[in-house]
């Protein structure tokens, strides 16, 4: 069961990724906090792992900076 805070974070992450091509955990965390949703990097990473498992988003690396980027899966 998903609590209201997690559901709000999921909705906003999908919303952010639909407006931007891709994003990192740090940028997503900052955007969520700017939108008034208090969350930590760890919470965002946990939600992103769940969304990857549900095949809603995908993770990939750009260049060799060893930072994961996330984007919505194309349907």
PDB file of N, CA and C in Angstrom:
ATOM      1  N   UNK A   1       0.839  -1.185   0.000  1.00  0.00           N
ATOM      2  CA  UNK A   1       0.000   0.000   0.000  1.00  0.00           C
ATOM      3  C   UNK A   1       0.885   1.249   0.000  1.00  0.00           C
ATOM      4  N   UNK A   2       0.529   2.187  -0.833  1.00  0.00           N
ATOM      5  CA  UNK A   2       1.300   3.424  -0.967  1.00  0.00           C
ATOM      6  C   UNK A   2       0.654   4.500  -0.105  1.00  0.00           C
ATOM      7  N   UNK A   3       1.477   5.155   0.728  1.00  0.00           N
ATOM      8  CA  UNK A   3       0.909   6.231   1.535  1.00  0.00           C
ATOM      9  C   UNK A   3       0.774   7.503   0.690  1.00  0.00           C
ATOM     10  N   UNK A   4       0.104   8.488   1.219  1.00  0.00           N
ATOM     11  CA  UNK A   4      -0.195   9.718   0.458  1.00  0.00           C
ATOM     12  C   UNK A   4       1.060  10.475   0.058  1.00  0.00           C
ATOM     13  N   UNK A   5       2.070  10.516   0.928  1.00  0.00           N
ATOM     14  CA  UNK A   5       3.297  11.240   0.618  1.00  0.00           C
ATOM     15  C   UNK A   5       4.017  10.584  -0.547  1.00  0.00           C
ATOM     16  N   UNK A   6       4.109   9.257  -0.531  1.00  0.00           N
ATOM     17  CA  UNK A   6       4.781   8.544  -1.613  1.00  0.00           C
ATOM     18  C   UNK A   6       4.005   8.710  -2.920  1.00  0.00           C
ATOM     19  N   UNK A   7       2.695   8.658  -2.853  1.00  0.00           N
ATOM     20  CA  UNK A   7       1.872   8.853  -4.053  1.00  0.00           C
ATOM     21  C   UNK A   7       2.093  10.242  -4.623  1.00  0.00           C
ATOM     22  N   UNK A   8       2.217  11.227  -3.760  1.00  0.00           N
ATOM     23  CA  UNK A   8       2.472  12.595  -4.204  1.00  0.00           C
ATOM     24  C   UNK A   8       3.845  12.706  -4.863  1.00  0.00           C
ATOM     25  N   UNK A   9       4.841  12.045  -4.276  1.00  0.00           N
ATOM     26  CA  UNK A   9       6.196  12.067  -4.845  1.00  0.00           C
ATOM     27  C   UNK A   9       6.199  11.377  -6.206  1.00  0.00           C
ATOM     28  N   UNK A  10       5.522  10.236  -6.313  1.00  0.00           N
ATOM     29  CA  UNK A  10       5.449   9.525  -7.593  1.00  0.00           C
ATOM     30  C   UNK A  10       4.816  10.412  -8.654  1.00  0.00           C
ATOM     31  N   UNK A  11       3.695  11.019  -8.319  1.00  0.00           N
ATOM     32  CA  UNK A  11       2.998  11.887  -9.272  1.00  0.00           C
ATOM     33  C   UNK A  11       3.890  13.039  -9.725  1.00  0.00           C
ATOM     34  N   UNK A  12       4.562  13.682  -8.792  1.00  0.00           N
ATOM     35  CA  UNK A  12       5.409  14.820  -9.136  1.00  0.00           C
ATOM     36  C   UNK A  12       6.647  14.406  -9.931  1.00  0.00           C
ATOM     37  N   UNK A  13       7.244  13.253  -9.612  1.00  0.00           N
ATOM     38  CA  UNK A  13       8.405  12.780 -10.381  1.00  0.00           C
ATOM     39  C   UNK A  13       7.998  12.531 -11.828  1.00  0.00           C
ATOM     40  N   UNK A  14       6.859  11.883 -12.024  1.00  0.00           N
ATOM     41  CA  UNK A  14       6.378  11.638 -13.390  1.00  0.00           C
ATOM     42  C   UNK A  14       6.092  12.956 -14.091  1.00  0.00           C
ATOM     43  N   UNK A  15       5.526  13.896 -13.372  1.00  0.00           N
ATOM     44  CA  UNK A  15       5.246  15.220 -13.931  1.00  0.00           C
ATOM     45  C   UNK A  15       6.539  15.940 -14.327  1.00  0.00           C
ATOM     46  N   UNK A  16       7.536  15.915 -13.466  1.00  0.00           N
ATOM     47  CA  UNK A  16       8.824  16.570 -13.747  1.00  0.00           C
ATOM     48  C   UNK A  16       9.494  15.917 -14.951  1.00  0.00           C
ATOM     49  N   UNK A  17       9.515  14.587 -14.982  1.00  0.00           N
ATOM     50  CA  UNK A  17      10.180  13.887 -16.089  1.00  0.00           C
ATOM     51  C   UNK A  17       9.429  14.058 -17.409  1.00  0.00           C
ATOM     52  N   UNK A  18       8.136  14.332 -17.348  1.00  0.00           N
ATOM     53  CA  UNK A  18       7.403  14.569 -18.595  1.00  0.00           C
ATOM     54  C   UNK A  18       7.726  15.950 -19.161  1.00  0.00           C
ATOM     55  N   UNK A  19       8.110  16.890 -18.290  1.00  0.00           N
ATOM     56  CA  UNK A  19       8.473  18.232 -18.758  1.00  0.00           C
ATOM     57  C   UNK A  19       9.938  18.315 -19.168  1.00  0.00           C
ATOM     58  N   UNK A  20      10.801  17.582 -18.465  1.00  0.00           N
ATOM     59  CA  UNK A  20      12.224  17.575 -18.770  1.00  0.00           C
ATOM     60  C   UNK A  20      12.551  16.259 -19.459  1.00  0.00           C
ATOM     61  N   UNK A  21      13.582  16.254 -20.264  1.00  0.00           N
ATOM     62  CA  UNK A  21      13.949  15.022 -20.964  1.00  0.00           C
ATOM     63  C   UNK A  21      14.450  13.961 -19.997  1.00  0.00           C
ATOM     64  N   UNK A  22      15.341  14.347 -19.117  1.00  0.00           N
ATOM     65  CA  UNK A  22      15.876  13.419 -18.120  1.00  0.00           C
ATOM     66  C   UNK A  22      16.321  14.208 -16.903  1.00  0.00           C
ATOM     67  N   UNK A  23      16.611  13.491 -15.831  1.00  0.00           N
ATOM     68  CA  UNK A  23      17.001  14.170 -14.604  1.00  0.00           C
ATOM     69  C   UNK A  23      17.771  13.213 -13.704  1.00  0.00           C
ATOM     70  N   UNK A  24      18.534  13.784 -12.777  1.00  0.00           N
ATOM     71  CA  UNK A  24      19.260  12.992 -11.790  1.00  0.00           C
ATOM     72  C   UNK A  24      18.497  13.026 -10.467  1.00  0.00           C
ATOM     73  N   UNK A  25      18.935  12.206  -9.528  1.00  0.00           N
ATOM     74  CA  UNK A  25      18.305  12.174  -8.207  1.00  0.00           C
ATOM     75  C   UNK A  25      18.408  13.541  -7.536  1.00  0.00           C
ATOM     76  N   UNK A  26      19.564  14.172  -7.639  1.00  0.00           N
ATOM     77  CA  UNK A  26      19.768  15.472  -6.987  1.00  0.00           C
ATOM     78  C   UNK A  26      18.809  16.521  -7.545  1.00  0.00           C
ATOM     79  N   UNK A  27      18.663  16.546  -8.851  1.00  0.00           N
ATOM     80  CA  UNK A  27      17.775  17.545  -9.468  1.00  0.00           C
ATOM     81  C   UNK A  27      16.318  17.243  -9.120  1.00  0.00           C
ATOM     82  N   UNK A  28      15.937  15.973  -9.167  1.00  0.00           N
ATOM     83  CA  UNK A  28      14.556  15.625  -8.809  1.00  0.00           C
ATOM     84  C   UNK A  28      14.256  15.994  -7.358  1.00  0.00           C
ATOM     85  N   UNK A  29      15.199  15.735  -6.456  1.00  0.00           N
ATOM     86  CA  UNK A  29      14.999  16.074  -5.044  1.00  0.00           C
ATOM     87  C   UNK A  29      14.832  17.580  -4.882  1.00  0.00           C
ATOM     88  N   UNK A  30      15.673  18.352  -5.555  1.00  0.00           N
ATOM     89  CA  UNK A  30      15.576  19.811  -5.474  1.00  0.00           C
ATOM     90  C   UNK A  30      14.236  20.304  -6.016  1.00  0.00           C
ATOM     91  N   UNK A  31      13.811  19.782  -7.162  1.00  0.00           N
ATOM     92  CA  UNK A  31      12.535  20.204  -7.761  1.00  0.00           C
ATOM     93  C   UNK A  31      11.354  19.863  -6.841  1.00  0.00           C
ATOM     94  N   UNK A  32      11.388  18.682  -6.241  1.00  0.00           N
ATOM     95  CA  UNK A  32      10.310  18.305  -5.328  1.00  0.00           C
ATOM     96  C   UNK A  32      10.263  19.236  -4.123  1.00  0.00           C
ATOM     97  N   UNK A  33      11.424  19.550  -3.556  1.00  0.00           N
ATOM     98  CA  UNK A  33      11.461  20.467  -2.417  1.00  0.00           C
ATOM     99  C   UNK A  33      11.005  21.864  -2.812  1.00  0.00           C
ATOM    100  N   UNK A  34      11.341  22.305  -4.026  1.00  0.00           N
ATOM    101  CA  UNK A  34      10.876  23.609  -4.508  1.00  0.00           C
ATOM    102  C   UNK A  34       9.359  23.633  -4.665  1.00  0.00           C
ATOM    103  N   UNK A  35       8.765  22.493  -4.963  1.00  0.00           N
ATOM    104  CA  UNK A  35       7.311  22.395  -5.131  1.00  0.00           C
ATOM    105  C   UNK A  35       6.595  22.180  -3.805  1.00  0.00           C
ATOM    106  N   UNK A  36       7.341  22.199  -2.713  1.00  0.00           N
ATOM    107  CA  UNK A  36       6.731  22.092  -1.390  1.00  0.00           C
ATOM    108  C   UNK A  36       6.546  20.670  -0.897  1.00  0.00           C
ATOM    109  N   UNK A  37       7.217  19.710  -1.526  1.00  0.00           N
ATOM    110  CA  UNK A  37       7.138  18.323  -1.075  1.00  0.00           C
ATOM    111  C   UNK A  37       8.452  17.995  -0.370  1.00  0.00           C
ATOM    112  N   UNK A  38       8.452  17.990   0.957  1.00  0.00           N
ATOM    113  CA  UNK A  38       9.703  17.720   1.671  1.00  0.00           C
ATOM    114  C   UNK A  38      10.103  16.260   1.516  1.00  0.00           C
ATOM    115  N   UNK A  39      11.291  16.034   0.994  1.00  0.00           N
ATOM    116  CA  UNK A  39      11.778  14.665   0.835  1.00  0.00           C
ATOM    117  C   UNK A  39      13.302  14.684   0.806  1.00  0.00           C
ATOM    118  N   UNK A  40      13.873  13.515   1.018  1.00  0.00           N
ATOM    119  CA  UNK A  40      15.321  13.375   1.005  1.00  0.00           C
ATOM    120  C   UNK A  40      15.745  12.643  -0.260  1.00  0.00           C
ATOM    121  N   UNK A  41      17.026  12.674  -0.532  1.00  0.00           N
ATOM    122  CA  UNK A  41      17.575  11.965  -1.686  1.00  0.00           C
ATOM    123  C   UNK A  41      17.294  10.471  -1.575  1.00  0.00           C
ATOM    124  N   UNK A  42      17.397   9.931  -0.363  1.00  0.00           N
ATOM    125  CA  UNK A  42      17.159   8.506  -0.156  1.00  0.00           C
ATOM    126  C   UNK A  42      15.723   8.128  -0.483  1.00  0.00           C
ATOM    127  N   UNK A  43      14.775   8.966  -0.098  1.00  0.00           N
ATOM    128  CA  UNK A  43      13.362   8.706  -0.393  1.00  0.00           C
ATOM    129  C   UNK A  43      13.127   8.743  -1.899  1.00  0.00           C
ATOM    130  N   UNK A  44      13.715   9.717  -2.583  1.00  0.00           N
ATOM    131  CA  UNK A  44      13.568   9.817  -4.032  1.00  0.00           C
ATOM    132  C   UNK A  44      14.175   8.592  -4.706  1.00  0.00           C
ATOM    133  N   UNK A  45      15.343   8.147  -4.246  1.00  0.00           N
ATOM    134  CA  UNK A  45      15.969   6.948  -4.824  1.00  0.00           C
ATOM    135  C   UNK A  45      15.092   5.718  -4.638  1.00  0.00           C
ATOM    136  N   UNK A  46      14.467   5.585  -3.485  1.00  0.00           N
ATOM    137  CA  UNK A  46      13.590   4.446  -3.222  1.00  0.00           C
ATOM    138  C   UNK A  46      12.393   4.455  -4.168  1.00  0.00           C
ATOM    139  N   UNK A  47      11.791   5.626  -4.346  1.00  0.00           N
ATOM    140  CA  UNK A  47      10.643   5.751  -5.254  1.00  0.00           C
ATOM    141  C   UNK A  47      11.072   5.475  -6.690  1.00  0.00           C
ATOM    142  N   UNK A  48      12.239   5.971  -7.092  1.00  0.00           N
ATOM    143  CA  UNK A  48      12.727   5.726  -8.446  1.00  0.00           C
ATOM    144  C   UNK A  48      12.955   4.229  -8.683  1.00  0.00           C
ATOM    145  N   UNK A  49      13.510   3.528  -7.700  1.00  0.00           N
ATOM    146  CA  UNK A  49      13.700   2.073  -7.844  1.00  0.00           C
ATOM    147  C   UNK A  49      12.368   1.372  -8.041  1.00  0.00           C
ATOM    148  N   UNK A  50      11.344   1.795  -7.302  1.00  0.00           N
ATOM    149  CA  UNK A  50      10.009   1.203  -7.456  1.00  0.00           C
ATOM    150  C   UNK A  50       9.443   1.478  -8.853  1.00  0.00           C
ATOM    151  N   UNK A  51       9.643   2.706  -9.344  1.00  0.00           N
ATOM    152  CA  UNK A  51       9.138   3.055 -10.673  1.00  0.00           C
ATOM    153  C   UNK A  51       9.882   2.309 -11.774  1.00  0.00           C
ATOM    154  N   UNK A  52      11.166   2.045 -11.567  1.00  0.00           N
ATOM    155  CA  UNK A  52      11.930   1.241 -12.534  1.00  0.00           C
ATOM    156  C   UNK A  52      11.394  -0.189 -12.533  1.00  0.00           C
ATOM    157  N   UNK A  53      11.115  -0.722 -11.359  1.00  0.00           N
ATOM    158  CA  UNK A  53      10.561  -2.073 -11.250  1.00  0.00           C
ATOM    159  C   UNK A  53       9.206  -2.205 -11.918  1.00  0.00           C
ATOM    160  N   UNK A  54       8.425  -1.125 -11.894  1.00  0.00           N
ATOM    161  CA  UNK A  54       7.109  -1.121 -12.552  1.00  0.00           C
ATOM    162  C   UNK A  54       7.214  -0.747 -14.032  1.00  0.00           C
ATOM    163  N   UNK A  55       8.439  -0.520 -14.491  1.00  0.00           N
ATOM    164  CA  UNK A  55       8.744  -0.169 -15.882  1.00  0.00           C
ATOM    165  C   UNK A  55       8.048   1.118 -16.330  1.00  0.00           C
ATOM    166  N   UNK A  56       7.965   2.084 -15.419  1.00  0.00           N
ATOM    167  CA  UNK A  56       7.412   3.396 -15.744  1.00  0.00           C
ATOM    168  C   UNK A  56       8.530   4.327 -16.196  1.00  0.00           C
ATOM    169  N   UNK A  57       9.685   4.204 -15.548  1.00  0.00           N
ATOM    170  CA  UNK A  57      10.846   5.001 -15.934  1.00  0.00           C
ATOM    171  C   UNK A  57      12.021   4.068 -16.187  1.00  0.00           C
ATOM    172  N   UNK A  58      13.088   4.615 -16.756  1.00  0.00           N
ATOM    173  CA  UNK A  58      14.310   3.844 -16.962  1.00  0.00           C
ATOM    174  C   UNK A  58      15.506   4.664 -16.517  1.00  0.00           C
ATOM    175  N   UNK A  59      16.557   3.963 -16.145  1.00  0.00           N
ATOM    176  CA  UNK A  59      17.792   4.603 -15.696  1.00  0.00           C
ATOM    177  C   UNK A  59      18.877   4.337 -16.729  1.00  0.00           C
ATOM    178  N   UNK A  60      19.749   5.317 -16.907  1.00  0.00           N
ATOM    179  CA  UNK A  60      20.861   5.163 -17.843  1.00  0.00           C
ATOM    180  C   UNK A  60      21.965   6.125 -17.439  1.00  0.00           C
ATOM    181  N   UNK A  61      23.127   5.932 -18.023  1.00  0.00           N
ATOM    182  CA  UNK A  61      24.273   6.790 -17.735  1.00  0.00           C
ATOM    183  C   UNK A  61      24.575   7.645 -18.950  1.00  0.00           C
ATOM    184  N   UNK A  62      24.925   8.912 -18.727  1.00  0.00           N
ATOM    185  CA  UNK A  62      25.360   9.813 -19.784  1.00  0.00           C
ATOM    186  C   UNK A  62      26.869   9.961 -19.655  1.00  0.00           C
ATOM    187  N   UNK A  63      27.578   9.796 -20.748  1.00  0.00           N
ATOM    188  CA  UNK A  63      29.036   9.885 -20.753  1.00  0.00           C
ATOM    189  C   UNK A  63      29.619   8.941 -19.710  1.00  0.00           C
ATOM    190  N   UNK A  64      30.605   9.403 -19.013  1.00  0.00           N
ATOM    191  CA  UNK A  64      31.205   8.524 -17.998  1.00  0.00           C
ATOM    192  C   UNK A  64      31.267   9.224 -16.639  1.00  0.00           C
ATOM    193  N   UNK A  65      30.273  10.044 -16.341  1.00  0.00           N
ATOM    194  CA  UNK A  65      30.292  10.754 -15.064  1.00  0.00           C
ATOM    195  C   UNK A  65      29.748   9.912 -13.909  1.00  0.00           C
ATOM    196  N   UNK A  66      29.338   8.668 -14.190  1.00  0.00           N
ATOM    197  CA  UNK A  66      28.886   7.720 -13.171  1.00  0.00           C
ATOM    198  C   UNK A  66      27.679   8.208 -12.388  1.00  0.00           C
ATOM    199  N   UNK A  67      26.873   9.050 -13.006  1.00  0.00           N
ATOM    200  CA  UNK A  67      25.623   9.481 -12.384  1.00  0.00           C
ATOM    201  C   UNK A  67      24.474   8.920 -13.184  1.00  0.00           C
ATOM    202  N   UNK A  68      23.571   8.287 -12.475  1.00  0.00           N
ATOM    203  CA  UNK A  68      22.393   7.761 -13.158  1.00  0.00           C
ATOM    204  C   UNK A  68      21.465   8.902 -13.521  1.00  0.00           C
ATOM    205  N   UNK A  69      20.923   8.815 -14.710  1.00  0.00           N
ATOM    206  CA  UNK A  69      19.883   9.728 -15.145  1.00  0.00           C
ATOM    207  C   UNK A  69      18.613   8.914 -15.336  1.00  0.00           C
ATOM    208  N   UNK A  70      17.501   9.560 -15.136  1.00  0.00           N
ATOM    209  CA  UNK A  70      16.215   8.878 -15.217  1.00  0.00           C
ATOM    210  C   UNK A  70      15.335   9.585 -16.232  1.00  0.00           C
ATOM    211  N   UNK A  71      14.555   8.790 -16.969  1.00  0.00           N
ATOM    212  CA  UNK A  71      13.593   9.344 -17.931  1.00  0.00           C
ATOM    213  C   UNK A  71      12.396   8.418 -18.003  1.00  0.00           C
ATOM    214  N   UNK A  72      11.291   8.977 -18.490  1.00  0.00           N
ATOM    215  CA  UNK A  72      10.103   8.155 -18.672  1.00  0.00           C
ATOM    216  C   UNK A  72      10.349   7.158 -19.790  1.00  0.00           C
ATOM    217  N   UNK A  73       9.851   5.959 -19.632  1.00  0.00           N
ATOM    218  CA  UNK A  73       9.956   4.964 -20.701  1.00  0.00           C
ATOM    219  C   UNK A  73       9.047   5.379 -21.839  1.00  0.00           C
ATOM    220  N   UNK A  74       9.551   5.216 -23.048  1.00  0.00           N
ATOM    221  CA  UNK A  74       8.688   5.495 -24.186  1.00  0.00           C
ATOM    222  C   UNK A  74       7.787   4.299 -24.431  1.00  0.00           C
ATOM    223  N   UNK A  75       6.552   4.597 -24.756  1.00  0.00           N
ATOM    224  CA  UNK A  75       5.574   3.520 -24.944  1.00  0.00           C
ATOM    225  C   UNK A  75       5.373   3.192 -26.397  1.00  0.00           C
TER     226      UNK A  75
END
